[in-house]
Amino acid sequence: MRLAGYDYAAPGAYFVTIVTQGRECLLGEVTADGTMRLSEVGETVSAEWQALPRHFARARLDVYVVMPNHLHGLIVVNQGMIDGGRGEAFASSEPFHLPPVANASPLQAHRWSGPDVDGLQGAHGTRRSSLGAMVQNFKAVSTRRLNAQRGMASAPFWQRNYYEHVVRGLADLDRIRIYIHDNPARWMADPLNSVNHEQLF
């Protein structure tokens, strides 16, 4: 469940994890030396993730990694309509504010229950320009492209849930960046690896 009353369209940094349906390892493999080698499907997922700021002008991408059956990424939501791209999350002259509240929880589809502020209410209840809208867009667009690529019309590709964490400060940001960077090297101990039995969700 989301943090009650928190506005996920608020400026700040958000760490997200998105997992393939059934945790199927379709996105590539981790080599013996701890390097992630993307499959053709994984290359498509990476390209669609990098395209996210083209769909949401307030979105900037920081570090991310595509793993065999999931993606970890940092999304920065800026205050205004700012273009952005991978690695430029803090290059803007506009002030960047980290939200003061922490959250780390498995999510189901989020529904914004507040008022329609500046036309930000989505057609199906998800607030436009919110983190939920960004993840939904990425999952929908990438699924359509992947299904066309694999000849599997209407097949689910991603799990319905996703994990999110509101970044609490610069120390938290640095910790998450290191976690993302080191993820391939820790694949054998990763709870999302099918050889392990722990559950993220």
N, C-alpha and C. Protein backbone atom coordinates (compact mmCIF):
# COMPACT_ATOMS: atom_id res chain seq x y z
N MET A 1 0.85 -1.18 0.00
CA MET A 1 0.00 0.00 0.00
C MET A 1 0.89 1.24 0.00
N ARG A 2 0.40 2.28 -0.64
CA ARG A 2 1.15 3.53 -0.67
C ARG A 2 1.11 4.23 0.69
N LEU A 3 2.01 5.16 0.87
CA LEU A 3 2.02 5.98 2.07
C LEU A 3 0.76 6.84 2.07
N ALA A 4 -0.07 6.69 3.06
CA ALA A 4 -1.37 7.37 3.10
C ALA A 4 -1.19 8.88 3.02
N GLY A 5 -1.92 9.50 2.10
CA GLY A 5 -1.93 10.95 1.98
C GLY A 5 -0.74 11.55 1.25
N TYR A 6 0.23 10.72 0.83
CA TYR A 6 1.41 11.26 0.17
C TYR A 6 1.12 11.55 -1.30
N ASP A 7 1.57 12.68 -1.79
CA ASP A 7 1.36 13.08 -3.17
C ASP A 7 2.52 12.58 -4.02
N TYR A 8 2.30 11.53 -4.80
CA TYR A 8 3.36 10.95 -5.61
C TYR A 8 3.61 11.72 -6.91
N ALA A 9 2.97 12.89 -7.05
CA ALA A 9 3.34 13.81 -8.11
C ALA A 9 4.27 14.89 -7.57
N ALA A 10 4.59 14.84 -6.27
CA ALA A 10 5.45 15.85 -5.65
C ALA A 10 6.88 15.72 -6.17
N PRO A 11 7.59 16.86 -6.30
CA PRO A 11 8.99 16.80 -6.72
C PRO A 11 9.80 15.96 -5.74
N GLY A 12 10.73 15.20 -6.28
CA GLY A 12 11.59 14.37 -5.44
C GLY A 12 12.16 13.22 -6.23
N ALA A 13 12.91 12.38 -5.55
CA ALA A 13 13.53 11.20 -6.17
C ALA A 13 12.83 9.95 -5.67
N TYR A 14 12.61 9.01 -6.59
CA TYR A 14 11.89 7.78 -6.28
C TYR A 14 12.66 6.59 -6.85
N PHE A 15 12.84 5.57 -6.00
CA PHE A 15 13.50 4.34 -6.41
C PHE A 15 12.41 3.32 -6.71
N VAL A 16 12.44 2.74 -7.92
CA VAL A 16 11.41 1.78 -8.30
C VAL A 16 12.05 0.47 -8.76
N THR A 17 11.33 -0.62 -8.51
CA THR A 17 11.70 -1.95 -9.00
C THR A 17 10.48 -2.53 -9.70
N ILE A 18 10.67 -2.96 -10.95
CA ILE A 18 9.60 -3.51 -11.77
C ILE A 18 10.03 -4.92 -12.19
N VAL A 19 9.16 -5.91 -11.98
CA VAL A 19 9.53 -7.31 -12.13
C VAL A 19 8.72 -7.96 -13.25
N THR A 20 9.35 -8.82 -14.01
CA THR A 20 8.66 -9.53 -15.09
C THR A 20 7.61 -10.49 -14.53
N GLN A 21 6.60 -10.77 -15.35
CA GLN A 21 5.55 -11.70 -14.97
C GLN A 21 6.16 -13.06 -14.62
N GLY A 22 5.83 -13.57 -13.45
CA GLY A 22 6.36 -14.86 -13.02
C GLY A 22 7.85 -14.87 -12.77
N ARG A 23 8.45 -13.69 -12.69
CA ARG A 23 9.90 -13.55 -12.50
C ARG A 23 10.71 -14.27 -13.58
N GLU A 24 10.13 -14.36 -14.76
CA GLU A 24 10.81 -15.07 -15.85
C GLU A 24 12.02 -14.27 -16.32
N CYS A 25 13.14 -14.93 -16.47
CA CYS A 25 14.39 -14.27 -16.84
C CYS A 25 14.47 -14.08 -18.36
N LEU A 26 13.82 -13.04 -18.83
CA LEU A 26 13.73 -12.75 -20.25
C LEU A 26 14.65 -11.62 -20.70
N LEU A 27 15.21 -10.89 -19.74
CA LEU A 27 15.90 -9.65 -20.08
C LEU A 27 17.39 -9.81 -20.31
N GLY A 28 17.91 -10.99 -20.06
CA GLY A 28 19.33 -11.23 -20.27
C GLY A 28 19.88 -12.15 -19.21
N GLU A 29 21.20 -12.13 -19.05
CA GLU A 29 21.85 -12.99 -18.08
C GLU A 29 23.03 -12.28 -17.45
N VAL A 30 23.36 -12.71 -16.24
CA VAL A 30 24.54 -12.19 -15.56
C VAL A 30 25.68 -13.16 -15.80
N THR A 31 26.79 -12.66 -16.31
CA THR A 31 27.94 -13.50 -16.63
C THR A 31 28.70 -13.87 -15.36
N ALA A 32 29.64 -14.78 -15.48
CA ALA A 32 30.41 -15.26 -14.33
C ALA A 32 31.18 -14.14 -13.63
N ASP A 33 31.53 -13.10 -14.39
CA ASP A 33 32.27 -11.99 -13.77
C ASP A 33 31.35 -10.90 -13.23
N GLY A 34 30.03 -11.18 -13.17
CA GLY A 34 29.10 -10.23 -12.57
C GLY A 34 28.67 -9.11 -13.49
N THR A 35 28.76 -9.32 -14.79
CA THR A 35 28.33 -8.33 -15.76
C THR A 35 26.97 -8.71 -16.32
N MET A 36 26.06 -7.74 -16.43
CA MET A 36 24.75 -8.00 -17.00
C MET A 36 24.83 -7.92 -18.52
N ARG A 37 24.41 -9.00 -19.19
CA ARG A 37 24.40 -9.05 -20.65
C ARG A 37 22.93 -9.07 -21.09
N LEU A 38 22.46 -8.01 -21.74
CA LEU A 38 21.07 -7.89 -22.13
C LEU A 38 20.74 -8.75 -23.33
N SER A 39 19.55 -9.35 -23.28
CA SER A 39 18.99 -10.01 -24.45
C SER A 39 18.36 -8.95 -25.35
N GLU A 40 17.83 -9.37 -26.49
CA GLU A 40 17.12 -8.43 -27.36
C GLU A 40 15.93 -7.82 -26.62
N VAL A 41 15.24 -8.64 -25.83
CA VAL A 41 14.12 -8.15 -25.03
C VAL A 41 14.62 -7.14 -24.00
N GLY A 42 15.74 -7.44 -23.35
CA GLY A 42 16.32 -6.53 -22.38
C GLY A 42 16.74 -5.21 -23.00
N GLU A 43 17.27 -5.26 -24.21
CA GLU A 43 17.65 -4.03 -24.92
C GLU A 43 16.42 -3.16 -25.16
N THR A 44 15.29 -3.79 -25.51
CA THR A 44 14.05 -3.06 -25.73
C THR A 44 13.58 -2.42 -24.44
N VAL A 45 13.63 -3.15 -23.34
CA VAL A 45 13.23 -2.61 -22.03
C VAL A 45 14.11 -1.42 -21.66
N SER A 46 15.40 -1.54 -21.86
CA SER A 46 16.32 -0.45 -21.56
C SER A 46 15.99 0.79 -22.40
N ALA A 47 15.72 0.59 -23.68
CA ALA A 47 15.39 1.71 -24.56
C ALA A 47 14.09 2.39 -24.14
N GLU A 48 13.10 1.61 -23.75
CA GLU A 48 11.82 2.20 -23.33
C GLU A 48 11.97 2.95 -22.01
N TRP A 49 12.81 2.43 -21.11
CA TRP A 49 13.05 3.14 -19.86
C TRP A 49 13.71 4.49 -20.13
N GLN A 50 14.71 4.50 -21.01
CA GLN A 50 15.40 5.75 -21.34
C GLN A 50 14.47 6.74 -22.05
N ALA A 51 13.41 6.24 -22.67
CA ALA A 51 12.47 7.11 -23.39
C ALA A 51 11.45 7.76 -22.46
N LEU A 52 11.40 7.35 -21.19
CA LEU A 52 10.38 7.84 -20.28
C LEU A 52 10.30 9.37 -20.21
N PRO A 53 11.43 10.10 -20.17
CA PRO A 53 11.32 11.57 -20.13
C PRO A 53 10.67 12.18 -21.37
N ARG A 54 10.61 11.44 -22.48
CA ARG A 54 9.93 11.97 -23.66
C ARG A 54 8.42 11.96 -23.47
N HIS A 55 7.94 11.09 -22.59
CA HIS A 55 6.50 11.01 -22.30
C HIS A 55 6.11 11.92 -21.13
N PHE A 56 7.05 12.20 -20.25
CA PHE A 56 6.78 13.00 -19.05
C PHE A 56 7.88 14.05 -18.92
N ALA A 57 7.55 15.30 -19.23
CA ALA A 57 8.55 16.36 -19.22
C ALA A 57 9.12 16.62 -17.83
N ARG A 58 8.38 16.25 -16.79
CA ARG A 58 8.88 16.47 -15.42
C ARG A 58 9.81 15.35 -14.96
N ALA A 59 9.92 14.28 -15.72
CA ALA A 59 10.72 13.13 -15.30
C ALA A 59 12.16 13.26 -15.75
N ARG A 60 13.07 12.98 -14.85
CA ARG A 60 14.49 12.87 -15.18
C ARG A 60 14.96 11.51 -14.68
N LEU A 61 15.83 10.86 -15.42
CA LEU A 61 16.32 9.55 -15.02
C LEU A 61 17.72 9.66 -14.44
N ASP A 62 17.93 8.95 -13.35
CA ASP A 62 19.24 8.81 -12.75
C ASP A 62 19.71 7.39 -13.10
N VAL A 63 20.50 6.77 -12.26
CA VAL A 63 21.03 5.45 -12.57
C VAL A 63 19.92 4.40 -12.63
N TYR A 64 20.15 3.37 -13.41
CA TYR A 64 19.23 2.24 -13.48
C TYR A 64 20.00 1.02 -13.94
N VAL A 65 19.40 -0.16 -13.72
CA VAL A 65 19.99 -1.38 -14.23
C VAL A 65 18.86 -2.32 -14.63
N VAL A 66 19.04 -2.96 -15.78
CA VAL A 66 18.12 -4.01 -16.22
C VAL A 66 18.76 -5.34 -15.84
N MET A 67 18.05 -6.11 -15.01
CA MET A 67 18.52 -7.41 -14.55
C MET A 67 17.78 -8.51 -15.31
N PRO A 68 18.12 -9.80 -15.11
CA PRO A 68 17.46 -10.85 -15.90
C PRO A 68 15.95 -10.85 -15.83
N ASN A 69 15.37 -10.49 -14.66
CA ASN A 69 13.91 -10.51 -14.55
C ASN A 69 13.33 -9.28 -13.85
N HIS A 70 14.11 -8.21 -13.76
CA HIS A 70 13.58 -6.99 -13.17
C HIS A 70 14.42 -5.79 -13.56
N LEU A 71 13.87 -4.63 -13.27
CA LEU A 71 14.56 -3.36 -13.52
C LEU A 71 14.56 -2.57 -12.24
N HIS A 72 15.72 -2.01 -11.87
CA HIS A 72 15.83 -1.05 -10.77
C HIS A 72 16.14 0.30 -11.39
N GLY A 73 15.46 1.36 -10.95
CA GLY A 73 15.78 2.68 -11.48
C GLY A 73 15.40 3.79 -10.53
N LEU A 74 16.11 4.90 -10.66
CA LEU A 74 15.80 6.12 -9.92
C LEU A 74 15.14 7.11 -10.87
N ILE A 75 13.95 7.57 -10.51
CA ILE A 75 13.25 8.60 -11.27
C ILE A 75 13.21 9.86 -10.42
N VAL A 76 13.59 10.98 -11.01
CA VAL A 76 13.48 12.27 -10.33
C VAL A 76 12.33 13.03 -10.97
N VAL A 77 11.37 13.44 -10.15
CA VAL A 77 10.24 14.25 -10.61
C VAL A 77 10.55 15.70 -10.27
N ASN A 78 10.69 16.53 -11.29
CA ASN A 78 11.01 17.94 -11.10
C ASN A 78 9.75 18.77 -10.94
N GLN A 79 9.93 19.99 -10.46
CA GLN A 79 8.80 20.88 -10.20
C GLN A 79 8.13 21.33 -11.50
N GLY A 80 8.95 21.69 -12.48
CA GLY A 80 8.39 22.27 -13.69
C GLY A 80 8.55 21.37 -14.89
N MET A 81 8.28 21.93 -16.07
CA MET A 81 8.35 21.18 -17.31
C MET A 81 9.77 21.25 -17.84
N ILE A 82 10.59 20.28 -17.46
CA ILE A 82 12.02 20.30 -17.80
C ILE A 82 12.35 19.05 -18.59
N ASP A 83 13.05 19.22 -19.68
CA ASP A 83 13.51 18.06 -20.43
C ASP A 83 14.62 17.38 -19.65
N GLY A 84 14.80 16.10 -19.89
CA GLY A 84 15.85 15.40 -19.15
C GLY A 84 16.25 14.11 -19.83
N GLY A 85 17.25 13.49 -19.28
CA GLY A 85 17.71 12.22 -19.82
C GLY A 85 18.55 11.50 -18.80
N ARG A 86 18.99 10.34 -19.14
CA ARG A 86 19.77 9.51 -18.22
C ARG A 86 21.04 10.25 -17.81
N GLY A 87 21.32 10.24 -16.52
CA GLY A 87 22.54 10.85 -16.03
C GLY A 87 22.46 12.34 -15.84
N GLU A 88 21.30 12.97 -16.11
CA GLU A 88 21.18 14.42 -15.98
C GLU A 88 20.23 14.81 -14.85
N ALA A 89 20.01 13.90 -13.93
CA ALA A 89 18.98 14.12 -12.91
C ALA A 89 19.23 15.35 -12.07
N PHE A 90 20.48 15.73 -11.87
CA PHE A 90 20.77 16.87 -11.02
C PHE A 90 21.49 17.97 -11.78
N ALA A 91 21.35 17.97 -13.10
CA ALA A 91 22.02 18.97 -13.92
C ALA A 91 21.18 20.23 -14.08
N SER A 92 19.91 20.19 -13.69
CA SER A 92 19.04 21.33 -13.89
C SER A 92 19.38 22.47 -12.95
N SER A 93 19.14 23.70 -13.40
CA SER A 93 19.33 24.86 -12.53
C SER A 93 18.15 25.02 -11.58
N GLU A 94 17.06 24.30 -11.82
CA GLU A 94 15.91 24.37 -10.94
C GLU A 94 16.20 23.62 -9.65
N PRO A 95 15.81 24.16 -8.49
CA PRO A 95 16.11 23.49 -7.22
C PRO A 95 15.52 22.09 -7.18
N PHE A 96 16.29 21.18 -6.63
CA PHE A 96 15.84 19.80 -6.44
C PHE A 96 15.54 19.60 -4.97
N HIS A 97 14.35 19.08 -4.67
CA HIS A 97 13.94 18.90 -3.28
C HIS A 97 13.65 17.42 -3.03
N LEU A 98 14.30 16.85 -2.04
CA LEU A 98 13.99 15.49 -1.63
C LEU A 98 12.80 15.51 -0.68
N PRO A 99 11.82 14.66 -0.88
CA PRO A 99 10.67 14.62 0.02
C PRO A 99 11.11 14.29 1.44
N PRO A 100 10.45 14.86 2.45
CA PRO A 100 10.86 14.62 3.83
C PRO A 100 10.34 13.30 4.40
N VAL A 101 9.50 12.58 3.64
CA VAL A 101 8.84 11.40 4.17
C VAL A 101 9.38 10.16 3.47
N ALA A 102 9.58 9.08 4.23
CA ALA A 102 10.09 7.84 3.67
C ALA A 102 8.97 6.85 3.43
N ASN A 103 9.15 6.01 2.42
CA ASN A 103 8.21 4.93 2.17
C ASN A 103 8.94 3.84 1.41
N ALA A 104 8.68 2.61 1.75
CA ALA A 104 9.24 1.49 1.00
C ALA A 104 8.23 0.36 1.09
N SER A 105 7.47 0.18 0.04
CA SER A 105 6.39 -0.78 0.14
C SER A 105 6.05 -1.37 -1.20
N PRO A 106 5.56 -2.64 -1.22
CA PRO A 106 5.04 -3.19 -2.46
C PRO A 106 3.72 -2.53 -2.80
N LEU A 107 3.50 -2.27 -4.08
CA LEU A 107 2.34 -1.49 -4.47
C LEU A 107 1.37 -2.28 -5.32
N GLN A 108 0.13 -1.89 -5.22
CA GLN A 108 -0.86 -2.26 -6.20
C GLN A 108 -1.20 -0.98 -6.95
N ALA A 109 -2.11 -1.07 -7.91
CA ALA A 109 -2.43 0.10 -8.71
C ALA A 109 -2.85 1.24 -7.80
N HIS A 110 -2.20 2.38 -7.93
CA HIS A 110 -2.47 3.53 -7.08
C HIS A 110 -3.61 4.36 -7.66
N ARG A 111 -4.49 4.80 -6.81
CA ARG A 111 -5.59 5.66 -7.23
C ARG A 111 -5.54 6.94 -6.43
N TRP A 112 -5.37 8.06 -7.10
CA TRP A 112 -5.32 9.37 -6.44
C TRP A 112 -6.72 9.73 -5.98
N SER A 113 -6.90 9.93 -4.67
CA SER A 113 -8.22 10.20 -4.13
C SER A 113 -8.45 11.68 -3.87
N GLY A 114 -7.45 12.51 -4.16
CA GLY A 114 -7.57 13.93 -3.91
C GLY A 114 -8.26 14.65 -5.05
N PRO A 115 -8.36 15.98 -4.95
CA PRO A 115 -9.04 16.77 -5.98
C PRO A 115 -8.24 16.83 -7.27
N ASP A 116 -8.92 17.21 -8.31
CA ASP A 116 -8.28 17.40 -9.61
C ASP A 116 -7.55 18.74 -9.56
N VAL A 117 -6.22 18.70 -9.36
CA VAL A 117 -5.44 19.92 -9.23
C VAL A 117 -4.76 20.22 -10.56
N ASP A 118 -5.07 21.36 -11.15
CA ASP A 118 -4.45 21.77 -12.41
C ASP A 118 -4.57 20.70 -13.48
N GLY A 119 -5.72 20.01 -13.51
CA GLY A 119 -5.94 19.01 -14.55
C GLY A 119 -5.07 17.79 -14.42
N LEU A 120 -4.64 17.45 -13.19
CA LEU A 120 -3.72 16.34 -13.01
C LEU A 120 -4.41 15.01 -12.73
N GLN A 121 -5.74 14.99 -12.75
CA GLN A 121 -6.45 13.74 -12.49
C GLN A 121 -6.48 12.89 -13.76
N GLY A 122 -5.99 11.67 -13.68
CA GLY A 122 -5.96 10.79 -14.84
C GLY A 122 -7.34 10.23 -15.14
N ALA A 123 -7.50 9.72 -16.35
CA ALA A 123 -8.80 9.21 -16.80
C ALA A 123 -9.26 8.03 -15.95
N HIS A 124 -8.32 7.24 -15.42
CA HIS A 124 -8.69 6.06 -14.66
C HIS A 124 -8.33 6.21 -13.18
N GLY A 125 -8.15 7.46 -12.71
CA GLY A 125 -7.90 7.70 -11.31
C GLY A 125 -6.45 7.89 -10.94
N THR A 126 -5.50 7.48 -11.79
CA THR A 126 -4.09 7.70 -11.49
C THR A 126 -3.74 9.14 -11.84
N ARG A 127 -3.12 9.83 -10.92
CA ARG A 127 -2.84 11.25 -11.14
C ARG A 127 -1.78 11.44 -12.22
N ARG A 128 -2.06 12.29 -13.17
CA ARG A 128 -1.12 12.58 -14.25
C ARG A 128 0.16 13.18 -13.66
N SER A 129 1.27 12.88 -14.28
CA SER A 129 2.59 13.34 -13.86
C SER A 129 3.04 12.77 -12.53
N SER A 130 2.31 11.80 -12.00
CA SER A 130 2.72 11.15 -10.75
C SER A 130 3.64 9.98 -11.06
N LEU A 131 4.30 9.49 -10.02
CA LEU A 131 5.15 8.31 -10.18
C LEU A 131 4.34 7.14 -10.73
N GLY A 132 3.13 6.93 -10.22
CA GLY A 132 2.29 5.83 -10.69
C GLY A 132 1.99 5.93 -12.17
N ALA A 133 1.71 7.16 -12.65
CA ALA A 133 1.43 7.35 -14.07
C ALA A 133 2.65 7.03 -14.92
N MET A 134 3.84 7.40 -14.41
CA MET A 134 5.07 7.14 -15.16
C MET A 134 5.34 5.65 -15.27
N VAL A 135 5.18 4.92 -14.16
CA VAL A 135 5.43 3.48 -14.18
C VAL A 135 4.38 2.78 -15.04
N GLN A 136 3.12 3.20 -14.92
CA GLN A 136 2.07 2.60 -15.75
C GLN A 136 2.37 2.81 -17.23
N ASN A 137 2.80 4.02 -17.59
CA ASN A 137 3.12 4.31 -18.98
C ASN A 137 4.27 3.43 -19.47
N PHE A 138 5.33 3.34 -18.67
CA PHE A 138 6.47 2.51 -19.06
C PHE A 138 6.05 1.07 -19.27
N LYS A 139 5.28 0.53 -18.34
CA LYS A 139 4.87 -0.86 -18.43
C LYS A 139 3.97 -1.10 -19.64
N ALA A 140 3.04 -0.17 -19.89
CA ALA A 140 2.12 -0.34 -21.01
C ALA A 140 2.84 -0.23 -22.35
N VAL A 141 3.66 0.80 -22.51
CA VAL A 141 4.35 1.02 -23.78
C VAL A 141 5.34 -0.11 -24.06
N SER A 142 6.11 -0.48 -23.03
CA SER A 142 7.10 -1.54 -23.24
C SER A 142 6.42 -2.88 -23.51
N THR A 143 5.31 -3.16 -22.84
CA THR A 143 4.60 -4.42 -23.07
C THR A 143 4.09 -4.51 -24.50
N ARG A 144 3.51 -3.42 -25.01
CA ARG A 144 3.02 -3.43 -26.40
C ARG A 144 4.16 -3.70 -27.37
N ARG A 145 5.28 -3.03 -27.16
CA ARG A 145 6.41 -3.21 -28.07
C ARG A 145 6.99 -4.62 -27.95
N LEU A 146 7.11 -5.11 -26.73
CA LEU A 146 7.68 -6.45 -26.51
C LEU A 146 6.76 -7.53 -27.05
N ASN A 147 5.46 -7.36 -26.88
CA ASN A 147 4.52 -8.36 -27.41
C ASN A 147 4.57 -8.40 -28.94
N ALA A 148 4.69 -7.24 -29.56
CA ALA A 148 4.83 -7.20 -31.01
C ALA A 148 6.14 -7.87 -31.44
N GLN A 149 7.19 -7.60 -30.71
CA GLN A 149 8.51 -8.14 -31.00
C GLN A 149 8.52 -9.67 -30.86
N ARG A 150 7.78 -10.18 -29.84
CA ARG A 150 7.78 -11.62 -29.56
C ARG A 150 6.61 -12.36 -30.20
N GLY A 151 5.70 -11.62 -30.89
CA GLY A 151 4.54 -12.24 -31.50
C GLY A 151 3.59 -12.84 -30.48
N MET A 152 3.39 -12.10 -29.37
CA MET A 152 2.55 -12.59 -28.28
C MET A 152 1.54 -11.50 -27.90
N ALA A 153 0.57 -11.28 -28.74
CA ALA A 153 -0.41 -10.21 -28.52
C ALA A 153 -1.13 -10.39 -27.20
N SER A 154 -1.27 -9.28 -26.47
CA SER A 154 -2.05 -9.20 -25.23
C SER A 154 -1.49 -10.00 -24.07
N ALA A 155 -0.30 -10.55 -24.19
CA ALA A 155 0.29 -11.32 -23.08
C ALA A 155 0.83 -10.37 -22.02
N PRO A 156 0.63 -10.68 -20.74
CA PRO A 156 1.22 -9.84 -19.70
C PRO A 156 2.73 -10.01 -19.70
N PHE A 157 3.46 -8.94 -19.49
CA PHE A 157 4.92 -9.03 -19.44
C PHE A 157 5.45 -8.70 -18.05
N TRP A 158 4.84 -7.71 -17.39
CA TRP A 158 5.28 -7.27 -16.07
C TRP A 158 4.30 -7.72 -15.00
N GLN A 159 4.81 -7.94 -13.79
CA GLN A 159 3.94 -8.16 -12.65
C GLN A 159 3.09 -6.92 -12.41
N ARG A 160 1.90 -7.13 -11.87
CA ARG A 160 0.99 -6.01 -11.61
C ARG A 160 1.57 -5.08 -10.55
N ASN A 161 2.19 -5.61 -9.54
CA ASN A 161 2.76 -4.79 -8.48
C ASN A 161 4.12 -4.24 -8.87
N TYR A 162 4.54 -3.22 -8.17
CA TYR A 162 5.92 -2.76 -8.27
C TYR A 162 6.31 -2.19 -6.91
N TYR A 163 7.61 -2.12 -6.70
CA TYR A 163 8.15 -1.64 -5.44
C TYR A 163 8.58 -0.20 -5.62
N GLU A 164 8.31 0.64 -4.63
CA GLU A 164 8.80 2.02 -4.71
C GLU A 164 9.30 2.47 -3.35
N HIS A 165 10.21 3.43 -3.37
CA HIS A 165 10.78 3.99 -2.16
C HIS A 165 11.01 5.47 -2.41
N VAL A 166 10.44 6.31 -1.55
CA VAL A 166 10.68 7.75 -1.65
C VAL A 166 12.05 8.04 -1.05
N VAL A 167 12.95 8.61 -1.85
CA VAL A 167 14.32 8.87 -1.39
C VAL A 167 14.28 9.96 -0.32
N ARG A 168 14.95 9.71 0.80
CA ARG A 168 14.82 10.56 1.99
C ARG A 168 15.87 11.65 2.07
N GLY A 169 16.94 11.55 1.33
CA GLY A 169 18.01 12.53 1.43
C GLY A 169 19.19 12.09 0.60
N LEU A 170 20.26 12.88 0.62
CA LEU A 170 21.40 12.58 -0.24
C LEU A 170 22.11 11.29 0.17
N ALA A 171 22.16 11.01 1.47
CA ALA A 171 22.79 9.76 1.92
C ALA A 171 21.99 8.55 1.42
N ASP A 172 20.66 8.66 1.49
CA ASP A 172 19.79 7.60 0.97
C ASP A 172 19.98 7.46 -0.53
N LEU A 173 20.08 8.57 -1.22
CA LEU A 173 20.29 8.56 -2.67
C LEU A 173 21.58 7.85 -3.02
N ASP A 174 22.66 8.17 -2.32
CA ASP A 174 23.96 7.53 -2.59
C ASP A 174 23.89 6.03 -2.32
N ARG A 175 23.21 5.63 -1.24
CA ARG A 175 23.09 4.22 -0.91
C ARG A 175 22.36 3.47 -2.01
N ILE A 176 21.29 4.08 -2.55
CA ILE A 176 20.50 3.43 -3.60
C ILE A 176 21.29 3.36 -4.91
N ARG A 177 22.03 4.41 -5.21
CA ARG A 177 22.86 4.38 -6.42
C ARG A 177 23.87 3.25 -6.36
N ILE A 178 24.50 3.05 -5.20
CA ILE A 178 25.46 1.96 -5.03
C ILE A 178 24.76 0.62 -5.17
N TYR A 179 23.57 0.49 -4.57
CA TYR A 179 22.80 -0.75 -4.65
C TYR A 179 22.50 -1.10 -6.10
N ILE A 180 22.07 -0.11 -6.88
CA ILE A 180 21.75 -0.34 -8.29
C ILE A 180 23.01 -0.74 -9.06
N HIS A 181 24.07 0.01 -8.84
CA HIS A 181 25.33 -0.26 -9.56
C HIS A 181 25.86 -1.66 -9.27
N ASP A 182 25.74 -2.09 -8.02
CA ASP A 182 26.31 -3.38 -7.61
C ASP A 182 25.35 -4.56 -7.82
N ASN A 183 24.14 -4.31 -8.30
CA ASN A 183 23.14 -5.37 -8.39
C ASN A 183 23.59 -6.58 -9.21
N PRO A 184 24.19 -6.39 -10.39
CA PRO A 184 24.63 -7.57 -11.15
C PRO A 184 25.62 -8.44 -10.39
N ALA A 185 26.54 -7.82 -9.65
CA ALA A 185 27.55 -8.58 -8.91
C ALA A 185 26.93 -9.38 -7.78
N ARG A 186 25.73 -8.99 -7.34
CA ARG A 186 25.08 -9.68 -6.23
C ARG A 186 23.94 -10.58 -6.71
N TRP A 187 23.88 -10.87 -8.00
CA TRP A 187 22.74 -11.59 -8.57
C TRP A 187 22.50 -12.94 -7.91
N MET A 188 23.54 -13.68 -7.58
CA MET A 188 23.34 -15.01 -7.00
C MET A 188 22.67 -14.95 -5.63
N ALA A 189 22.78 -13.82 -4.95
CA ALA A 189 22.14 -13.66 -3.64
C ALA A 189 20.87 -12.83 -3.73
N ASP A 190 20.49 -12.42 -4.93
CA ASP A 190 19.33 -11.55 -5.10
C ASP A 190 18.04 -12.30 -4.78
N PRO A 191 17.14 -11.72 -3.97
CA PRO A 191 15.87 -12.40 -3.68
C PRO A 191 14.99 -12.60 -4.91
N LEU A 192 15.24 -11.87 -5.98
CA LEU A 192 14.48 -12.05 -7.21
C LEU A 192 15.07 -13.13 -8.11
N ASN A 193 16.22 -13.66 -7.74
CA ASN A 193 16.81 -14.77 -8.48
C ASN A 193 16.02 -16.04 -8.14
N SER A 194 15.66 -16.81 -9.16
CA SER A 194 14.82 -17.99 -8.95
C SER A 194 15.47 -19.05 -8.07
N VAL A 195 16.79 -18.97 -7.86
CA VAL A 195 17.44 -19.95 -6.99
C VAL A 195 17.22 -19.63 -5.53
N ASN A 196 16.68 -18.43 -5.25
CA ASN A 196 16.42 -18.03 -3.87
C ASN A 196 14.93 -18.19 -3.58
N HIS A 197 14.57 -18.17 -2.34
CA HIS A 197 13.18 -18.43 -1.95
C HIS A 197 12.52 -17.26 -1.25
N GLU A 198 13.26 -16.17 -1.02
CA GLU A 198 12.65 -15.02 -0.39
C GLU A 198 11.72 -14.33 -1.38
N GLN A 199 10.74 -13.62 -0.87
CA GLN A 199 9.76 -12.94 -1.69
C GLN A 199 9.89 -11.44 -1.48
N LEU A 200 10.02 -10.69 -2.58
CA LEU A 200 10.00 -9.23 -2.47
C LEU A 200 8.61 -8.73 -2.23
N PHE A 201 7.62 -9.38 -2.88
CA PHE A 201 6.23 -8.94 -2.73
C PHE A 201 5.48 -9.91 -1.85
